[in-house]
Amino acid sequence: MKVLGVILIVVGLLALIYGGIQYTSREKVVDLGPLQVTATQKKNIPLPPIAGGIALVAGVALVVAGRKKP
């Protein structure tokens, strides 16, 4: 449970700091035999801040729950 809690804390912090996931994709624009033209585009998958906060709180709860053993 501690490992999952730490992972959720890291993911929650990254979601709050960056606000989303950015990635780059290459697309073929023109393909005329030996001549090929590609375009590189940066795309963004937005993550709402509430999702980062929920992941952060859940991660802290799992770490605390994993610490308490009878």
PDB file of N, CA and C in Angstrom:
ATOM      1  N   MET A   1       0.820  -1.191   0.000  1.00  0.00           N
ATOM      2  CA  MET A   1       0.000   0.000   0.000  1.00  0.00           C
ATOM      3  C   MET A   1       0.870   1.263   0.000  1.00  0.00           C
ATOM      4  N   LYS A   2       2.030   1.162   0.643  1.00  0.00           N
ATOM      5  CA  LYS A   2       2.904   2.329   0.687  1.00  0.00           C
ATOM      6  C   LYS A   2       3.391   2.710  -0.706  1.00  0.00           C
ATOM      7  N   VAL A   3       3.731   1.691  -1.512  1.00  0.00           N
ATOM      8  CA  VAL A   3       4.248   1.960  -2.855  1.00  0.00           C
ATOM      9  C   VAL A   3       3.181   2.635  -3.709  1.00  0.00           C
ATOM     10  N   LEU A   4       1.962   2.135  -3.653  1.00  0.00           N
ATOM     11  CA  LEU A   4       0.864   2.742  -4.404  1.00  0.00           C
ATOM     12  C   LEU A   4       0.601   4.167  -3.911  1.00  0.00           C
ATOM     13  N   GLY A   5       0.704   4.378  -2.603  1.00  0.00           N
ATOM     14  CA  GLY A   5       0.525   5.711  -2.045  1.00  0.00           C
ATOM     15  C   GLY A   5       1.578   6.684  -2.542  1.00  0.00           C
ATOM     16  N   VAL A   6       2.833   6.249  -2.575  1.00  0.00           N
ATOM     17  CA  VAL A   6       3.910   7.117  -3.069  1.00  0.00           C
ATOM     18  C   VAL A   6       3.719   7.427  -4.549  1.00  0.00           C
ATOM     19  N   ILE A   7       3.300   6.432  -5.318  1.00  0.00           N
ATOM     20  CA  ILE A   7       3.054   6.654  -6.753  1.00  0.00           C
ATOM     21  C   ILE A   7       1.934   7.676  -6.943  1.00  0.00           C
ATOM     22  N   LEU A   8       0.864   7.557  -6.168  1.00  0.00           N
ATOM     23  CA  LEU A   8      -0.238   8.517  -6.270  1.00  0.00           C
ATOM     24  C   LEU A   8       0.200   9.924  -5.858  1.00  0.00           C
ATOM     25  N   ILE A   9       1.050  10.021  -4.849  1.00  0.00           N
ATOM     26  CA  ILE A   9       1.549  11.331  -4.434  1.00  0.00           C
ATOM     27  C   ILE A   9       2.352  11.970  -5.551  1.00  0.00           C
ATOM     28  N   VAL A  10       3.237  11.204  -6.177  1.00  0.00           N
ATOM     29  CA  VAL A  10       4.067  11.740  -7.269  1.00  0.00           C
ATOM     30  C   VAL A  10       3.190  12.152  -8.449  1.00  0.00           C
ATOM     31  N   VAL A  11       2.240  11.310  -8.824  1.00  0.00           N
ATOM     32  CA  VAL A  11       1.359  11.629  -9.948  1.00  0.00           C
ATOM     33  C   VAL A  11       0.510  12.861  -9.631  1.00  0.00           C
ATOM     34  N   GLY A  12       0.020  12.955  -8.402  1.00  0.00           N
ATOM     35  CA  GLY A  12      -0.779  14.112  -8.006  1.00  0.00           C
ATOM     36  C   GLY A  12       0.024  15.405  -8.049  1.00  0.00           C
ATOM     37  N   LEU A  13       1.259  15.366  -7.554  1.00  0.00           N
ATOM     38  CA  LEU A  13       2.112  16.557  -7.599  1.00  0.00           C
ATOM     39  C   LEU A  13       2.434  16.968  -9.033  1.00  0.00           C
ATOM     40  N   LEU A  14       2.755  15.985  -9.871  1.00  0.00           N
ATOM     41  CA  LEU A  14       3.054  16.300 -11.274  1.00  0.00           C
ATOM     42  C   LEU A  14       1.837  16.880 -11.985  1.00  0.00           C
ATOM     43  N   ALA A  15       0.652  16.358 -11.683  1.00  0.00           N
ATOM     44  CA  ALA A  15      -0.570  16.881 -12.304  1.00  0.00           C
ATOM     45  C   ALA A  15      -0.828  18.311 -11.860  1.00  0.00           C
ATOM     46  N   LEU A  16      -0.551  18.613 -10.586  1.00  0.00           N
ATOM     47  CA  LEU A  16      -0.754  19.978 -10.102  1.00  0.00           C
ATOM     48  C   LEU A  16       0.283  20.942 -10.660  1.00  0.00           C
ATOM     49  N   ILE A  17       1.527  20.481 -10.801  1.00  0.00           N
ATOM     50  CA  ILE A  17       2.598  21.359 -11.276  1.00  0.00           C
ATOM     51  C   ILE A  17       2.482  21.619 -12.778  1.00  0.00           C
ATOM     52  N   TYR A  18       2.322  20.564 -13.558  1.00  0.00           N
ATOM     53  CA  TYR A  18       2.328  20.710 -15.020  1.00  0.00           C
ATOM     54  C   TYR A  18       0.947  20.948 -15.615  1.00  0.00           C
ATOM     55  N   GLY A  19      -0.098  20.531 -14.970  1.00  0.00           N
ATOM     56  CA  GLY A  19      -1.444  20.763 -15.460  1.00  0.00           C
ATOM     57  C   GLY A  19      -1.849  19.893 -16.626  1.00  0.00           C
ATOM     58  N   GLY A  20      -1.053  18.917 -16.975  1.00  0.00           N
ATOM     59  CA  GLY A  20      -1.401  18.028 -18.074  1.00  0.00           C
ATOM     60  C   GLY A  20      -0.201  17.255 -18.570  1.00  0.00           C
ATOM     61  N   ILE A  21      -0.449  16.431 -19.559  1.00  0.00           N
ATOM     62  CA  ILE A  21       0.597  15.614 -20.165  1.00  0.00           C
ATOM     63  C   ILE A  21       0.833  16.130 -21.573  1.00  0.00           C
ATOM     64  N   GLN A  22       2.082  16.439 -21.890  1.00  0.00           N
ATOM     65  CA  GLN A  22       2.428  16.909 -23.228  1.00  0.00           C
ATOM     66  C   GLN A  22       3.216  15.826 -23.956  1.00  0.00           C
ATOM     67  N   TYR A  23       2.911  15.678 -25.232  1.00  0.00           N
ATOM     68  CA  TYR A  23       3.666  14.739 -26.047  1.00  0.00           C
ATOM     69  C   TYR A  23       3.785  15.282 -27.459  1.00  0.00           C
ATOM     70  N   THR A  24       4.724  14.747 -28.205  1.00  0.00           N
ATOM     71  CA  THR A  24       4.980  15.189 -29.571  1.00  0.00           C
ATOM     72  C   THR A  24       4.617  14.058 -30.527  1.00  0.00           C
ATOM     73  N   SER A  25       3.933  14.412 -31.601  1.00  0.00           N
ATOM     74  CA  SER A  25       3.594  13.404 -32.612  1.00  0.00           C
ATOM     75  C   SER A  25       4.060  13.880 -33.978  1.00  0.00           C
ATOM     76  N   ARG A  26       4.459  12.927 -34.792  1.00  0.00           N
ATOM     77  CA  ARG A  26       4.867  13.226 -36.166  1.00  0.00           C
ATOM     78  C   ARG A  26       3.820  12.667 -37.110  1.00  0.00           C
ATOM     79  N   GLU A  27       3.433  13.500 -38.051  1.00  0.00           N
ATOM     80  CA  GLU A  27       2.430  13.082 -39.027  1.00  0.00           C
ATOM     81  C   GLU A  27       2.965  13.315 -40.423  1.00  0.00           C
ATOM     82  N   LYS A  28       2.707  12.354 -41.290  1.00  0.00           N
ATOM     83  CA  LYS A  28       3.129  12.479 -42.679  1.00  0.00           C
ATOM     84  C   LYS A  28       2.148  13.400 -43.395  1.00  0.00           C
ATOM     85  N   VAL A  29       2.656  14.488 -43.961  1.00  0.00           N
ATOM     86  CA  VAL A  29       1.808  15.472 -44.619  1.00  0.00           C
ATOM     87  C   VAL A  29       1.750  15.192 -46.119  1.00  0.00           C
ATOM     88  N   VAL A  30       2.908  14.969 -46.726  1.00  0.00           N
ATOM     89  CA  VAL A  30       2.984  14.724 -48.166  1.00  0.00           C
ATOM     90  C   VAL A  30       3.827  13.481 -48.400  1.00  0.00           C
ATOM     91  N   ASP A  31       3.354  12.596 -49.280  1.00  0.00           N
ATOM     92  CA  ASP A  31       4.095  11.398 -49.641  1.00  0.00           C
ATOM     93  C   ASP A  31       4.037  11.256 -51.161  1.00  0.00           C
ATOM     94  N   LEU A  32       5.052  11.782 -51.847  1.00  0.00           N
ATOM     95  CA  LEU A  32       5.136  11.713 -53.305  1.00  0.00           C
ATOM     96  C   LEU A  32       6.341  10.881 -53.696  1.00  0.00           C
ATOM     97  N   GLY A  33       6.208   9.567 -53.607  1.00  0.00           N
ATOM     98  CA  GLY A  33       7.313   8.681 -53.955  1.00  0.00           C
ATOM     99  C   GLY A  33       8.481   8.881 -53.003  1.00  0.00           C
ATOM    100  N   PRO A  34       9.642   9.287 -53.532  1.00  0.00           N
ATOM    101  CA  PRO A  34      10.808   9.457 -52.665  1.00  0.00           C
ATOM    102  C   PRO A  34      10.738  10.734 -51.814  1.00  0.00           C
ATOM    103  N   LEU A  35       9.818  11.629 -52.131  1.00  0.00           N
ATOM    104  CA  LEU A  35       9.681  12.879 -51.380  1.00  0.00           C
ATOM    105  C   LEU A  35       8.616  12.726 -50.298  1.00  0.00           C
ATOM    106  N   GLN A  36       9.050  12.888 -49.047  1.00  0.00           N
ATOM    107  CA  GLN A  36       8.115  12.797 -47.929  1.00  0.00           C
ATOM    108  C   GLN A  36       8.284  14.024 -47.045  1.00  0.00           C
ATOM    109  N   VAL A  37       7.167  14.592 -46.651  1.00  0.00           N
ATOM    110  CA  VAL A  37       7.177  15.746 -45.770  1.00  0.00           C
ATOM    111  C   VAL A  37       6.402  15.374 -44.509  1.00  0.00           C
ATOM    112  N   THR A  38       7.043  15.579 -43.359  1.00  0.00           N
ATOM    113  CA  THR A  38       6.378  15.290 -42.095  1.00  0.00           C
ATOM    114  C   THR A  38       6.255  16.575 -41.274  1.00  0.00           C
ATOM    115  N   ALA A  39       5.275  16.581 -40.423  1.00  0.00           N
ATOM    116  CA  ALA A  39       5.056  17.724 -39.530  1.00  0.00           C
ATOM    117  C   ALA A  39       5.082  17.218 -38.088  1.00  0.00           C
ATOM    118  N   THR A  40       5.738  17.965 -37.243  1.00  0.00           N
ATOM    119  CA  THR A  40       5.803  17.635 -35.826  1.00  0.00           C
ATOM    120  C   THR A  40       4.855  18.553 -35.068  1.00  0.00           C
ATOM    121  N   GLN A  41       3.986  17.943 -34.276  1.00  0.00           N
ATOM    122  CA  GLN A  41       3.009  18.717 -33.518  1.00  0.00           C
ATOM    123  C   GLN A  41       3.108  18.364 -32.043  1.00  0.00           C
ATOM    124  N   LYS A  42       3.060  19.383 -31.203  1.00  0.00           N
ATOM    125  CA  LYS A  42       3.000  19.159 -29.766  1.00  0.00           C
ATOM    126  C   LYS A  42       1.530  19.123 -29.363  1.00  0.00           C
ATOM    127  N   LYS A  43       1.169  18.079 -28.648  1.00  0.00           N
ATOM    128  CA  LYS A  43      -0.208  17.927 -28.203  1.00  0.00           C
ATOM    129  C   LYS A  43      -0.238  17.898 -26.686  1.00  0.00           C
ATOM    130  N   ASN A  44      -1.370  18.255 -26.125  1.00  0.00           N
ATOM    131  CA  ASN A  44      -1.517  18.362 -24.684  1.00  0.00           C
ATOM    132  C   ASN A  44      -2.794  17.654 -24.243  1.00  0.00           C
ATOM    133  N   ILE A  45      -2.659  16.833 -23.202  1.00  0.00           N
ATOM    134  CA  ILE A  45      -3.821  16.217 -22.575  1.00  0.00           C
ATOM    135  C   ILE A  45      -3.993  16.927 -21.232  1.00  0.00           C
ATOM    136  N   PRO A  46      -4.986  17.802 -21.120  1.00  0.00           N
ATOM    137  CA  PRO A  46      -5.129  18.566 -19.876  1.00  0.00           C
ATOM    138  C   PRO A  46      -5.649  17.690 -18.737  1.00  0.00           C
ATOM    139  N   LEU A  47      -5.103  17.918 -17.554  1.00  0.00           N
ATOM    140  CA  LEU A  47      -5.587  17.251 -16.348  1.00  0.00           C
ATOM    141  C   LEU A  47      -6.125  18.323 -15.409  1.00  0.00           C
ATOM    142  N   PRO A  48      -7.356  18.176 -14.972  1.00  0.00           N
ATOM    143  CA  PRO A  48      -7.908  19.192 -14.066  1.00  0.00           C
ATOM    144  C   PRO A  48      -7.183  19.162 -12.726  1.00  0.00           C
ATOM    145  N   PRO A  49      -7.016  20.314 -12.107  1.00  0.00           N
ATOM    146  CA  PRO A  49      -6.318  20.367 -10.816  1.00  0.00           C
ATOM    147  C   PRO A  49      -6.997  19.532  -9.733  1.00  0.00           C
ATOM    148  N   ILE A  50      -8.304  19.360  -9.832  1.00  0.00           N
ATOM    149  CA  ILE A  50      -9.011  18.560  -8.822  1.00  0.00           C
ATOM    150  C   ILE A  50      -8.557  17.099  -8.877  1.00  0.00           C
ATOM    151  N   ALA A  51      -8.237  16.599 -10.070  1.00  0.00           N
ATOM    152  CA  ALA A  51      -7.764  15.222 -10.199  1.00  0.00           C
ATOM    153  C   ALA A  51      -6.399  15.066  -9.530  1.00  0.00           C
ATOM    154  N   GLY A  52      -5.520  16.062  -9.704  1.00  0.00           N
ATOM    155  CA  GLY A  52      -4.220  16.026  -9.040  1.00  0.00           C
ATOM    156  C   GLY A  52      -4.366  16.088  -7.527  1.00  0.00           C
ATOM    157  N   GLY A  53      -5.281  16.916  -7.056  1.00  0.00           N
ATOM    158  CA  GLY A  53      -5.519  17.019  -5.620  1.00  0.00           C
ATOM    159  C   GLY A  53      -6.072  15.738  -5.032  1.00  0.00           C
ATOM    160  N   ILE A  54      -6.986  15.109  -5.747  1.00  0.00           N
ATOM    161  CA  ILE A  54      -7.560  13.846  -5.274  1.00  0.00           C
ATOM    162  C   ILE A  54      -6.493  12.761  -5.220  1.00  0.00           C
ATOM    163  N   ALA A  55      -5.646  12.683  -6.248  1.00  0.00           N
ATOM    164  CA  ALA A  55      -4.575  11.690  -6.259  1.00  0.00           C
ATOM    165  C   ALA A  55      -3.597  11.944  -5.115  1.00  0.00           C
ATOM    166  N   LEU A  56      -3.297  13.205  -4.853  1.00  0.00           N
ATOM    167  CA  LEU A  56      -2.378  13.556  -3.776  1.00  0.00           C
ATOM    168  C   LEU A  56      -2.953  13.158  -2.414  1.00  0.00           C
ATOM    169  N   VAL A  57      -4.210  13.491  -2.169  1.00  0.00           N
ATOM    170  CA  VAL A  57      -4.851  13.152  -0.894  1.00  0.00           C
ATOM    171  C   VAL A  57      -4.967  11.633  -0.736  1.00  0.00           C
ATOM    172  N   ALA A  58      -5.336  10.935  -1.796  1.00  0.00           N
ATOM    173  CA  ALA A  58      -5.447   9.475  -1.729  1.00  0.00           C
ATOM    174  C   ALA A  58      -4.086   8.837  -1.456  1.00  0.00           C
ATOM    175  N   GLY A  59      -3.044   9.373  -2.063  1.00  0.00           N
ATOM    176  CA  GLY A  59      -1.700   8.844  -1.827  1.00  0.00           C
ATOM    177  C   GLY A  59      -1.264   9.034  -0.393  1.00  0.00           C
ATOM    178  N   VAL A  60      -1.513  10.213   0.151  1.00  0.00           N
ATOM    179  CA  VAL A  60      -1.159  10.464   1.554  1.00  0.00           C
ATOM    180  C   VAL A  60      -1.956   9.530   2.472  1.00  0.00           C
ATOM    181  N   ALA A  61      -3.231   9.337   2.172  1.00  0.00           N
ATOM    182  CA  ALA A  61      -4.065   8.441   2.984  1.00  0.00           C
ATOM    183  C   ALA A  61      -3.535   7.007   2.935  1.00  0.00           C
ATOM    184  N   LEU A  62      -3.108   6.548   1.771  1.00  0.00           N
ATOM    185  CA  LEU A  62      -2.571   5.185   1.671  1.00  0.00           C
ATOM    186  C   LEU A  62      -1.257   5.040   2.421  1.00  0.00           C
ATOM    187  N   VAL A  63      -0.410   6.053   2.356  1.00  0.00           N
ATOM    188  CA  VAL A  63       0.865   5.981   3.085  1.00  0.00           C
ATOM    189  C   VAL A  63       0.615   5.962   4.586  1.00  0.00           C
ATOM    190  N   VAL A  64      -0.305   6.797   5.047  1.00  0.00           N
ATOM    191  CA  VAL A  64      -0.626   6.828   6.476  1.00  0.00           C
ATOM    192  C   VAL A  64      -1.278   5.522   6.902  1.00  0.00           C
ATOM    193  N   ALA A  65      -2.179   4.985   6.100  1.00  0.00           N
ATOM    194  CA  ALA A  65      -2.842   3.718   6.433  1.00  0.00           C
ATOM    195  C   ALA A  65      -1.856   2.557   6.418  1.00  0.00           C
ATOM    196  N   GLY A  66      -0.885   2.595   5.541  1.00  0.00           N
ATOM    197  CA  GLY A  66       0.117   1.540   5.490  1.00  0.00           C
ATOM    198  C   GLY A  66       1.086   1.608   6.642  1.00  0.00           C
ATOM    199  N   ARG A  67       1.203   2.759   7.272  1.00  0.00           N
ATOM    200  CA  ARG A  67       2.118   2.934   8.389  1.00  0.00           C
ATOM    201  C   ARG A  67       1.551   2.372   9.690  1.00  0.00           C
ATOM    202  N   LYS A  68       0.236   2.472   9.837  1.00  0.00           N
ATOM    203  CA  LYS A  68      -0.413   1.997  11.072  1.00  0.00           C
ATOM    204  C   LYS A  68      -0.669   0.499  10.971  1.00  0.00           C
ATOM    205  N   LYS A  69       0.080  -0.269  11.754  1.00  0.00           N
ATOM    206  CA  LYS A  69      -0.128  -1.720  11.794  1.00  0.00           C
ATOM    207  C   LYS A  69      -0.372  -2.143  13.237  1.00  0.00           C
ATOM    208  N   PRO A  70      -1.377  -2.998  13.469  1.00  0.00           N
ATOM    209  CA  PRO A  70      -1.692  -3.420  14.841  1.00  0.00           C
ATOM    210  C   PRO A  70      -0.658  -4.359  15.412  1.00  0.00           C
TER     211      PRO A  70
END
